[in-house]
Amino acid sequence: MWPRRLAAWPCCARLTTRWRDNDVYGHLNNTVAYEFFDAAINAELIRAGLLDPVSSPVIGLVAETACRYLAPLAYPGEVHLGFGVAELGRSHVIWHLALFGRTDGPPAALGRFVHVMVT
């Protein structure tokens, strides 16, 4: 289940859009949402001491992604990302994520990210 308010998510990140993030229509390109998901999850894992990109014996490979776009986002601006673990298995983690254009507004995109842990 995806919370519809940023404050309801267990983890939050603030990201700044870049000029190159827009597509020719002036919207945040769909691939940028996935970059934001990946960056926020890995930053949180590093912050929590669960991932060292240089020396960790176990790494999380992205096995599946999905994103439902609900409203446009664009440069210039900030994007707020709420995320959390939806399912923790023996060798996988399923993350649910939401992108917000405003901290008090509805989500602009809802995402799913599956990490498979390998040695």
N, C-alpha and C. Protein backbone atom coordinates (compact mmCIF):
# COMPACT_ATOMS: atom_id res chain seq x y z
N MET A 1 0.84 -1.18 0.00
CA MET A 1 0.00 0.00 0.00
C MET A 1 0.88 1.24 0.00
N TRP A 2 0.52 2.20 -0.80
CA TRP A 2 1.27 3.45 -0.92
C TRP A 2 0.55 4.56 -0.15
N PRO A 3 1.18 5.12 0.90
CA PRO A 3 0.57 6.27 1.56
C PRO A 3 0.43 7.44 0.59
N ARG A 4 -0.62 8.21 0.74
CA ARG A 4 -0.89 9.34 -0.16
C ARG A 4 -0.34 10.66 0.36
N ARG A 5 0.28 10.64 1.56
CA ARG A 5 0.89 11.85 2.12
C ARG A 5 2.36 11.59 2.38
N LEU A 6 3.21 12.54 2.09
CA LEU A 6 4.65 12.38 2.28
C LEU A 6 4.99 12.06 3.73
N ALA A 7 4.33 12.72 4.67
CA ALA A 7 4.64 12.54 6.09
C ALA A 7 4.34 11.12 6.59
N ALA A 8 3.56 10.36 5.85
CA ALA A 8 3.20 9.00 6.27
C ALA A 8 4.25 7.95 5.90
N TRP A 9 5.23 8.32 5.10
CA TRP A 9 6.26 7.37 4.67
C TRP A 9 7.35 7.24 5.74
N PRO A 10 7.91 6.03 5.93
CA PRO A 10 8.96 5.86 6.94
C PRO A 10 10.27 6.56 6.58
N CYS A 11 10.58 6.69 5.31
CA CYS A 11 11.80 7.37 4.86
C CYS A 11 11.42 8.46 3.86
N CYS A 12 12.13 9.57 3.93
CA CYS A 12 11.87 10.67 3.00
C CYS A 12 13.20 11.24 2.50
N ALA A 13 13.19 11.70 1.28
CA ALA A 13 14.37 12.35 0.69
C ALA A 13 13.90 13.55 -0.11
N ARG A 14 14.75 14.56 -0.18
CA ARG A 14 14.48 15.74 -1.00
C ARG A 14 15.51 15.76 -2.12
N LEU A 15 15.03 15.87 -3.34
CA LEU A 15 15.91 15.87 -4.50
C LEU A 15 15.63 17.12 -5.33
N THR A 16 16.66 17.63 -5.96
CA THR A 16 16.52 18.80 -6.81
C THR A 16 16.56 18.37 -8.27
N THR A 17 15.58 18.81 -9.04
CA THR A 17 15.59 18.48 -10.47
C THR A 17 16.70 19.26 -11.16
N ARG A 18 17.13 18.71 -12.30
CA ARG A 18 18.20 19.32 -13.09
C ARG A 18 17.65 19.65 -14.49
N TRP A 19 18.31 20.55 -15.15
CA TRP A 19 17.91 20.94 -16.51
C TRP A 19 17.75 19.72 -17.40
N ARG A 20 18.68 18.80 -17.34
CA ARG A 20 18.66 17.63 -18.23
C ARG A 20 17.55 16.63 -17.89
N ASP A 21 16.87 16.82 -16.75
CA ASP A 21 15.81 15.89 -16.35
C ASP A 21 14.53 16.05 -17.16
N ASN A 22 14.33 17.20 -17.79
CA ASN A 22 13.10 17.44 -18.56
C ASN A 22 13.17 16.76 -19.93
N ASP A 23 12.00 16.33 -20.39
CA ASP A 23 11.91 15.83 -21.76
C ASP A 23 11.54 16.99 -22.68
N VAL A 24 11.31 16.71 -23.95
CA VAL A 24 11.01 17.78 -24.91
C VAL A 24 9.67 18.46 -24.64
N TYR A 25 8.82 17.85 -23.82
CA TYR A 25 7.52 18.43 -23.50
C TYR A 25 7.56 19.27 -22.22
N GLY A 26 8.75 19.40 -21.61
CA GLY A 26 8.89 20.20 -20.40
C GLY A 26 8.53 19.49 -19.12
N HIS A 27 8.41 18.16 -19.19
CA HIS A 27 8.10 17.36 -18.01
C HIS A 27 9.33 16.57 -17.59
N LEU A 28 9.37 16.18 -16.34
CA LEU A 28 10.41 15.29 -15.86
C LEU A 28 10.34 14.00 -16.68
N ASN A 29 11.43 13.61 -17.31
CA ASN A 29 11.46 12.39 -18.12
C ASN A 29 11.16 11.19 -17.24
N ASN A 30 10.44 10.22 -17.79
CA ASN A 30 10.04 9.05 -17.00
C ASN A 30 11.22 8.29 -16.41
N THR A 31 12.36 8.28 -17.07
CA THR A 31 13.51 7.54 -16.55
C THR A 31 14.11 8.19 -15.31
N VAL A 32 13.88 9.47 -15.13
CA VAL A 32 14.44 10.19 -13.98
C VAL A 32 13.80 9.70 -12.68
N ALA A 33 12.54 9.32 -12.73
CA ALA A 33 11.89 8.77 -11.52
C ALA A 33 12.67 7.56 -11.02
N TYR A 34 13.08 6.69 -11.94
CA TYR A 34 13.85 5.51 -11.55
C TYR A 34 15.22 5.88 -10.99
N GLU A 35 15.85 6.91 -11.55
CA GLU A 35 17.13 7.39 -11.00
C GLU A 35 16.93 7.89 -9.57
N PHE A 36 15.86 8.64 -9.34
CA PHE A 36 15.57 9.14 -8.00
C PHE A 36 15.31 7.99 -7.03
N PHE A 37 14.54 6.98 -7.47
CA PHE A 37 14.27 5.82 -6.61
C PHE A 37 15.58 5.15 -6.21
N ASP A 38 16.41 4.85 -7.19
CA ASP A 38 17.67 4.15 -6.95
C ASP A 38 18.59 4.95 -6.03
N ALA A 39 18.72 6.24 -6.30
CA ALA A 39 19.61 7.09 -5.49
C ALA A 39 19.14 7.17 -4.05
N ALA A 40 17.85 7.35 -3.82
CA ALA A 40 17.33 7.50 -2.46
C ALA A 40 17.45 6.20 -1.67
N ILE A 41 17.11 5.07 -2.29
CA ILE A 41 17.21 3.79 -1.59
C ILE A 41 18.66 3.50 -1.21
N ASN A 42 19.57 3.66 -2.15
CA ASN A 42 20.97 3.36 -1.85
C ASN A 42 21.56 4.33 -0.83
N ALA A 43 21.19 5.60 -0.88
CA ALA A 43 21.66 6.55 0.13
C ALA A 43 21.17 6.15 1.52
N GLU A 44 19.94 5.70 1.61
CA GLU A 44 19.40 5.27 2.91
C GLU A 44 20.10 4.00 3.40
N LEU A 45 20.36 3.05 2.51
CA LEU A 45 21.07 1.82 2.90
C LEU A 45 22.48 2.15 3.39
N ILE A 46 23.15 3.06 2.72
CA ILE A 46 24.50 3.48 3.13
C ILE A 46 24.42 4.19 4.48
N ARG A 47 23.46 5.11 4.63
CA ARG A 47 23.30 5.85 5.88
C ARG A 47 23.05 4.91 7.06
N ALA A 48 22.27 3.86 6.83
CA ALA A 48 21.92 2.91 7.89
C ALA A 48 23.01 1.88 8.13
N GLY A 49 24.10 1.93 7.36
CA GLY A 49 25.19 0.98 7.53
C GLY A 49 24.90 -0.39 6.95
N LEU A 50 23.94 -0.47 6.05
CA LEU A 50 23.56 -1.75 5.44
C LEU A 50 24.20 -1.97 4.08
N LEU A 51 24.88 -0.97 3.56
CA LEU A 51 25.52 -1.09 2.25
C LEU A 51 26.80 -0.28 2.24
N ASP A 52 27.86 -0.93 1.81
CA ASP A 52 29.12 -0.25 1.50
C ASP A 52 29.40 -0.61 0.05
N PRO A 53 29.20 0.32 -0.88
CA PRO A 53 29.33 0.00 -2.30
C PRO A 53 30.69 -0.56 -2.70
N VAL A 54 31.71 -0.28 -1.92
CA VAL A 54 33.06 -0.74 -2.25
C VAL A 54 33.35 -2.12 -1.69
N SER A 55 32.89 -2.41 -0.46
CA SER A 55 33.34 -3.64 0.18
C SER A 55 32.23 -4.59 0.64
N SER A 56 30.97 -4.28 0.40
CA SER A 56 29.91 -5.17 0.84
C SER A 56 29.98 -6.51 0.11
N PRO A 57 29.92 -7.64 0.86
CA PRO A 57 29.93 -8.94 0.21
C PRO A 57 28.61 -9.26 -0.47
N VAL A 58 27.54 -8.58 -0.06
CA VAL A 58 26.22 -8.79 -0.64
C VAL A 58 25.80 -7.48 -1.31
N ILE A 59 25.27 -7.60 -2.51
CA ILE A 59 24.77 -6.42 -3.22
C ILE A 59 23.32 -6.66 -3.63
N GLY A 60 22.59 -5.59 -3.82
CA GLY A 60 21.21 -5.69 -4.27
C GLY A 60 21.12 -5.36 -5.75
N LEU A 61 20.72 -6.34 -6.53
CA LEU A 61 20.51 -6.12 -7.96
C LEU A 61 19.04 -5.79 -8.19
N VAL A 62 18.78 -4.84 -9.04
CA VAL A 62 17.40 -4.47 -9.34
C VAL A 62 16.82 -5.51 -10.29
N ALA A 63 15.80 -6.22 -9.81
CA ALA A 63 15.19 -7.28 -10.59
C ALA A 63 13.89 -6.83 -11.26
N GLU A 64 13.25 -5.82 -10.69
CA GLU A 64 11.97 -5.38 -11.23
C GLU A 64 11.72 -3.93 -10.81
N THR A 65 11.13 -3.17 -11.70
CA THR A 65 10.72 -1.80 -11.38
C THR A 65 9.35 -1.53 -12.00
N ALA A 66 8.64 -0.60 -11.40
CA ALA A 66 7.37 -0.15 -11.96
C ALA A 66 7.13 1.27 -11.47
N CYS A 67 6.43 2.04 -12.28
CA CYS A 67 6.09 3.40 -11.87
C CYS A 67 4.77 3.80 -12.53
N ARG A 68 3.86 4.32 -11.73
CA ARG A 68 2.60 4.84 -12.24
C ARG A 68 2.66 6.36 -12.10
N TYR A 69 2.58 7.06 -13.21
CA TYR A 69 2.69 8.51 -13.23
C TYR A 69 1.30 9.13 -13.09
N LEU A 70 1.14 10.01 -12.11
CA LEU A 70 -0.16 10.58 -11.81
C LEU A 70 -0.26 12.07 -12.14
N ALA A 71 0.87 12.76 -12.10
CA ALA A 71 0.90 14.21 -12.38
C ALA A 71 2.30 14.57 -12.84
N PRO A 72 2.44 15.61 -13.67
CA PRO A 72 3.77 15.98 -14.15
C PRO A 72 4.62 16.66 -13.07
N LEU A 73 5.91 16.44 -13.17
CA LEU A 73 6.92 17.16 -12.39
C LEU A 73 7.86 17.77 -13.41
N ALA A 74 8.61 18.80 -13.02
CA ALA A 74 9.48 19.45 -14.00
C ALA A 74 10.62 20.20 -13.33
N TYR A 75 11.63 20.51 -14.15
CA TYR A 75 12.70 21.42 -13.76
C TYR A 75 12.20 22.83 -14.04
N PRO A 76 12.50 23.81 -13.25
CA PRO A 76 13.25 23.73 -11.99
C PRO A 76 12.30 23.38 -10.84
N GLY A 77 12.83 22.72 -9.87
CA GLY A 77 12.02 22.41 -8.70
C GLY A 77 12.62 21.34 -7.82
N GLU A 78 11.98 21.17 -6.69
CA GLU A 78 12.35 20.10 -5.78
C GLU A 78 11.34 18.98 -5.91
N VAL A 79 11.81 17.78 -5.71
CA VAL A 79 10.96 16.61 -5.69
C VAL A 79 11.16 15.96 -4.33
N HIS A 80 10.07 15.57 -3.71
CA HIS A 80 10.14 14.90 -2.42
C HIS A 80 9.78 13.44 -2.64
N LEU A 81 10.57 12.56 -2.05
CA LEU A 81 10.40 11.13 -2.25
C LEU A 81 10.13 10.47 -0.91
N GLY A 82 9.01 9.77 -0.83
CA GLY A 82 8.72 8.94 0.34
C GLY A 82 8.91 7.50 -0.06
N PHE A 83 9.50 6.71 0.84
CA PHE A 83 9.72 5.30 0.49
C PHE A 83 9.83 4.44 1.74
N GLY A 84 9.65 3.14 1.54
CA GLY A 84 9.77 2.19 2.64
C GLY A 84 9.74 0.77 2.12
N VAL A 85 10.07 -0.15 3.00
CA VAL A 85 10.08 -1.57 2.66
C VAL A 85 8.65 -2.09 2.72
N ALA A 86 8.19 -2.65 1.61
CA ALA A 86 6.86 -3.25 1.55
C ALA A 86 6.92 -4.73 1.88
N GLU A 87 8.05 -5.38 1.54
CA GLU A 87 8.22 -6.81 1.81
C GLU A 87 9.70 -7.11 1.95
N LEU A 88 10.03 -7.84 3.00
CA LEU A 88 11.41 -8.24 3.25
C LEU A 88 11.46 -9.76 3.24
N GLY A 89 12.09 -10.31 2.21
CA GLY A 89 12.20 -11.76 2.09
C GLY A 89 13.59 -12.23 2.49
N ARG A 90 13.85 -13.52 2.31
CA ARG A 90 15.15 -14.09 2.65
C ARG A 90 16.25 -13.51 1.77
N SER A 91 15.95 -13.29 0.50
CA SER A 91 16.97 -12.78 -0.42
C SER A 91 16.46 -11.65 -1.31
N HIS A 92 15.36 -11.03 -0.91
CA HIS A 92 14.85 -9.91 -1.71
C HIS A 92 14.21 -8.86 -0.81
N VAL A 93 14.14 -7.65 -1.34
CA VAL A 93 13.45 -6.54 -0.68
C VAL A 93 12.57 -5.88 -1.73
N ILE A 94 11.31 -5.67 -1.38
CA ILE A 94 10.41 -4.92 -2.25
C ILE A 94 10.16 -3.57 -1.60
N TRP A 95 10.48 -2.53 -2.35
CA TRP A 95 10.30 -1.16 -1.89
C TRP A 95 9.08 -0.55 -2.56
N HIS A 96 8.32 0.24 -1.82
CA HIS A 96 7.29 1.09 -2.40
C HIS A 96 7.75 2.52 -2.24
N LEU A 97 7.49 3.34 -3.25
CA LEU A 97 7.98 4.71 -3.28
C LEU A 97 6.92 5.64 -3.85
N ALA A 98 7.02 6.91 -3.50
CA ALA A 98 6.13 7.92 -4.08
C ALA A 98 6.90 9.22 -4.26
N LEU A 99 6.72 9.84 -5.42
CA LEU A 99 7.31 11.15 -5.70
C LEU A 99 6.23 12.22 -5.50
N PHE A 100 6.62 13.30 -4.85
CA PHE A 100 5.71 14.41 -4.58
C PHE A 100 6.33 15.70 -5.10
N GLY A 101 5.52 16.54 -5.69
CA GLY A 101 5.99 17.86 -6.11
C GLY A 101 5.95 18.86 -4.97
N ARG A 102 5.07 18.60 -4.00
CA ARG A 102 4.95 19.46 -2.81
C ARG A 102 4.86 18.55 -1.59
N THR A 103 5.35 19.03 -0.46
CA THR A 103 5.31 18.21 0.75
C THR A 103 3.89 18.01 1.26
N ASP A 104 2.97 18.91 0.91
CA ASP A 104 1.60 18.81 1.39
C ASP A 104 0.61 18.39 0.30
N GLY A 105 1.12 17.96 -0.85
CA GLY A 105 0.25 17.60 -1.96
C GLY A 105 0.16 16.10 -2.17
N PRO A 106 -0.64 15.69 -3.13
CA PRO A 106 -0.77 14.27 -3.46
C PRO A 106 0.46 13.80 -4.23
N PRO A 107 0.67 12.48 -4.32
CA PRO A 107 1.83 11.98 -5.06
C PRO A 107 1.69 12.25 -6.56
N ALA A 108 2.82 12.51 -7.20
CA ALA A 108 2.87 12.68 -8.65
C ALA A 108 3.21 11.36 -9.33
N ALA A 109 3.80 10.43 -8.58
CA ALA A 109 4.15 9.12 -9.13
C ALA A 109 4.25 8.11 -7.99
N LEU A 110 3.86 6.87 -8.28
CA LEU A 110 3.97 5.77 -7.33
C LEU A 110 4.86 4.70 -7.93
N GLY A 111 5.84 4.23 -7.16
CA GLY A 111 6.80 3.28 -7.70
C GLY A 111 6.95 2.02 -6.89
N ARG A 112 7.53 1.04 -7.54
CA ARG A 112 7.86 -0.25 -6.93
C ARG A 112 9.25 -0.62 -7.42
N PHE A 113 10.08 -1.09 -6.51
CA PHE A 113 11.48 -1.39 -6.80
C PHE A 113 11.81 -2.69 -6.09
N VAL A 114 12.28 -3.69 -6.80
CA VAL A 114 12.62 -4.98 -6.20
C VAL A 114 14.12 -5.20 -6.27
N HIS A 115 14.73 -5.37 -5.10
CA HIS A 115 16.14 -5.73 -5.00
C HIS A 115 16.25 -7.22 -4.71
N VAL A 116 17.08 -7.92 -5.44
CA VAL A 116 17.44 -9.30 -5.13
C VAL A 116 18.87 -9.26 -4.62
N MET A 117 19.08 -9.81 -3.43
CA MET A 117 20.39 -9.75 -2.79
C MET A 117 21.24 -10.95 -3.24
N VAL A 118 22.45 -10.66 -3.72
CA VAL A 118 23.35 -11.70 -4.21
C VAL A 118 24.75 -11.48 -3.65
N THR A 119 25.52 -12.57 -3.60
CA THR A 119 26.92 -12.47 -3.15
C THR A 119 27.84 -12.58 -4.33
